Protein backbone atom coordinates (compact mmCIF):
# COMPACT_ATOMS: atom_id res chain seq x y z
CA MET A 1 261.96 74.26 120.94
CA GLN A 2 265.38 72.94 120.85
CA ASN A 3 267.57 71.51 123.62
CA ILE A 4 269.31 73.26 126.17
CA PRO A 5 272.75 72.24 127.60
CA ILE A 6 273.29 71.88 131.18
CA SER A 7 275.70 70.07 133.16
CA ALA A 8 274.66 66.99 135.26
CA GLU A 9 275.39 68.97 138.51
CA GLY A 10 273.46 72.25 137.36
CA TYR A 11 270.64 69.51 136.35
CA LYS A 12 270.97 68.12 139.94
CA LYS A 13 271.01 71.25 141.20
CA LEU A 14 267.41 72.19 139.50
CA GLU A 15 265.94 68.70 140.38
CA GLU A 16 267.11 69.31 144.31
CA GLU A 17 265.53 72.73 144.14
CA LEU A 18 262.19 71.31 142.52
CA GLU A 19 261.97 69.07 145.33
CA ARG A 20 262.60 71.34 147.97
CA LEU A 21 259.95 74.07 146.80
CA LYS A 22 257.49 71.15 146.34
CA LYS A 23 257.75 70.30 150.04
CA GLU A 24 257.53 74.05 151.01
CA ARG A 25 253.59 73.68 149.79
CA PRO A 26 252.17 72.72 152.37
CA GLU A 27 253.91 75.24 154.79
CA ILE A 28 252.98 77.91 152.78
CA ILE A 29 249.19 76.52 152.53
CA GLN A 30 249.59 76.51 156.25
CA ALA A 31 250.75 80.12 156.47
CA ILE A 32 247.62 81.34 154.28
CA LYS A 33 245.13 79.54 156.52
CA GLU A 34 246.72 80.86 159.73
CA ALA A 35 247.18 84.43 158.05
CA ARG A 36 243.20 84.37 156.94
CA GLU A 37 241.99 83.53 160.13
CA GLU A 38 243.58 86.61 161.52
CA GLY A 39 240.32 88.49 159.71
CA ASP A 40 240.55 91.30 157.10
CA LEU A 41 242.49 89.97 154.34
CA ARG A 42 242.56 93.95 152.91
CA GLU A 43 245.57 94.98 155.63
CA ASN A 44 246.55 91.76 156.52
CA ALA A 45 250.41 91.66 155.61
CA GLY A 46 251.17 88.43 157.01
CA TYR A 47 248.48 87.16 154.25
CA ASP A 48 249.71 88.59 151.24
CA ALA A 49 253.38 87.97 152.08
CA ALA A 50 251.77 84.37 152.15
CA ARG A 51 250.26 84.98 148.78
CA GLU A 52 252.99 86.52 147.29
CA ARG A 53 255.42 83.62 148.29
CA GLN A 54 252.93 81.12 146.88
CA GLY A 55 253.01 82.54 143.61
CA MET A 56 256.44 82.91 143.55
CA ALA A 57 257.37 79.16 144.59
CA GLU A 58 254.46 78.02 142.14
CA ALA A 59 255.59 79.92 139.36
CA ARG A 60 259.33 78.61 139.87
CA ILE A 61 258.03 75.16 139.81
CA LYS A 62 256.35 75.63 136.86
CA TYR A 63 259.36 77.01 135.11
CA ILE A 64 261.58 74.14 136.36
CA GLU A 65 259.13 71.62 135.28
CA SER A 66 258.72 73.36 131.79
CA ARG A 67 262.28 73.06 131.51
CA LEU A 68 263.48 69.42 132.62
CA ALA A 69 262.01 67.88 129.57
CA LEU A 70 264.36 70.43 127.34
CA TYR A 71 267.57 69.93 128.66
CA GLN A 72 270.20 67.81 127.25
CA VAL A 73 272.70 67.08 130.10
CA ILE A 74 276.11 67.36 129.41
CA ASP A 75 279.25 65.27 131.18
CA LEU A 76 281.75 68.32 131.54
CA ASP A 77 284.39 65.38 132.99
CA LYS A 78 284.28 64.23 129.15
CA GLN A 79 284.62 67.66 127.24
CA THR A 80 287.63 68.34 125.56
CA GLY A 81 289.50 70.49 123.13
CA ASP A 82 291.10 73.76 121.83
CA LYS A 83 288.16 75.80 121.17
CA ALA A 84 285.63 77.68 123.65
CA ILE A 85 282.23 75.53 123.82
CA PHE A 86 279.97 74.51 126.53
CA GLY A 87 282.04 73.72 129.50
CA ALA A 88 285.16 75.37 128.64
CA THR A 89 287.00 77.79 131.03
CA VAL A 90 288.06 80.89 129.22
CA LYS A 91 290.70 82.96 130.28
CA LEU A 92 290.57 86.36 128.77
CA GLU A 93 292.94 89.54 129.18
CA ASP A 94 291.64 92.64 128.04
CA VAL A 95 293.76 94.37 125.63
CA ASP A 96 293.29 98.10 126.74
CA THR A 97 293.68 97.44 130.47
CA GLY A 98 295.66 94.14 131.02
CA ASP A 99 292.75 92.91 133.05
CA THR A 100 292.25 89.29 133.21
CA ARG A 101 288.92 87.49 133.74
CA GLU A 102 288.45 83.72 133.47
CA TYR A 103 284.74 82.36 132.85
CA THR A 104 283.26 79.08 132.69
CA LEU A 105 280.72 78.68 129.63
CA LEU A 106 277.22 76.98 130.79
CA GLY A 107 273.82 77.22 130.30
CA PRO A 108 271.42 79.74 131.15
CA ASP A 109 269.81 77.94 133.78
CA GLU A 110 272.95 77.64 135.89
CA ALA A 111 275.76 80.48 135.23
CA ASN A 112 276.52 82.50 138.03
CA PRO A 113 278.82 85.53 137.38
CA ALA A 114 279.44 85.92 140.50
CA GLU A 115 281.02 82.63 140.64
CA GLY A 116 282.94 82.69 137.42
CA SER A 117 280.50 81.06 134.77
CA ILE A 118 278.45 82.94 132.45
CA SER A 119 275.85 81.83 129.99
CA PHE A 120 277.11 80.69 126.52
CA LEU A 121 273.83 82.55 125.28
CA SER A 122 275.16 85.87 126.94
CA PRO A 123 276.80 88.63 124.73
CA VAL A 124 280.25 87.49 126.14
CA GLY A 125 279.54 83.99 125.85
CA GLN A 126 278.15 84.01 122.28
CA ALA A 127 281.72 86.13 121.17
CA LEU A 128 283.68 83.24 122.63
CA LEU A 129 282.11 80.31 121.12
CA GLY A 130 284.17 78.52 118.65
CA LYS A 131 287.36 80.61 119.28
CA GLU A 132 290.88 79.27 120.97
CA ALA A 133 293.60 80.78 122.64
CA GLY A 134 295.27 83.65 120.46
CA ASP A 135 292.19 84.98 119.22
CA GLU A 136 290.70 88.45 119.81
CA VAL A 137 287.00 89.06 120.70
CA SER A 138 285.64 92.69 120.65
CA ILE A 139 282.03 92.80 122.68
CA ASN A 140 279.79 95.77 123.25
CA ILE A 141 279.39 95.61 127.03
CA PRO A 142 277.54 98.39 129.33
CA ARG A 143 280.41 100.37 129.68
CA GLY A 144 281.24 100.15 125.99
CA ARG A 145 282.94 98.15 123.53
CA VAL A 146 285.99 96.19 125.00
CA THR A 147 288.30 93.65 123.17
CA TYR A 148 289.83 90.86 124.97
CA GLU A 149 292.68 88.41 123.98
CA ILE A 150 291.80 84.79 124.61
CA ILE A 151 295.05 83.47 126.99
CA SER A 152 293.71 79.88 127.10
CA VAL A 153 290.77 77.55 126.77
CA GLU A 154 290.42 74.83 129.54
CA PHE A 155 288.17 72.06 130.25
CA LYS A 156 288.43 71.54 134.10
CA GLY A 157 285.61 69.36 134.25
CA SER A 158 282.53 69.20 136.95
CA GLN A 159 285.02 70.59 139.62
CA LYS A 160 284.42 73.93 138.00
CA ALA A 161 280.92 73.98 137.60
CA SER A 162 280.50 73.20 140.96
CA GLN A 163 281.84 75.93 142.49
């Protein structure tokens, strides 16, 4: 598999999450032990919940560990240019409604649309890659086809990715 770009801040957050999850293992094991001691496991909600928590934590640990070797850490403070690439903050205007949006293009494991970042692998991210201010892009989104004009492409560095 190929390298996956990630910001230094995103990589650090995943390392911290991995460390936290590994520290939670003994707590989860203890919760399972205590629930098991309560008797009948067929109708033991505490046991079921602890086992589910363990499964989710172990799956996340395996996922993060499998991805760490694939990441190509990129220092967002060194990113520059006129084109929308990984780390760029792109301001868009919907040509039909005049609504504006601003997205920072990040990797799939650190993108958070609620905080203004999207994956460069998403349909919108893919449409924006390589474009510059003044370009128009048409994208199929759940509500239909939308056309955006790119107002600006900026590189705000790590301050934007860590929000």
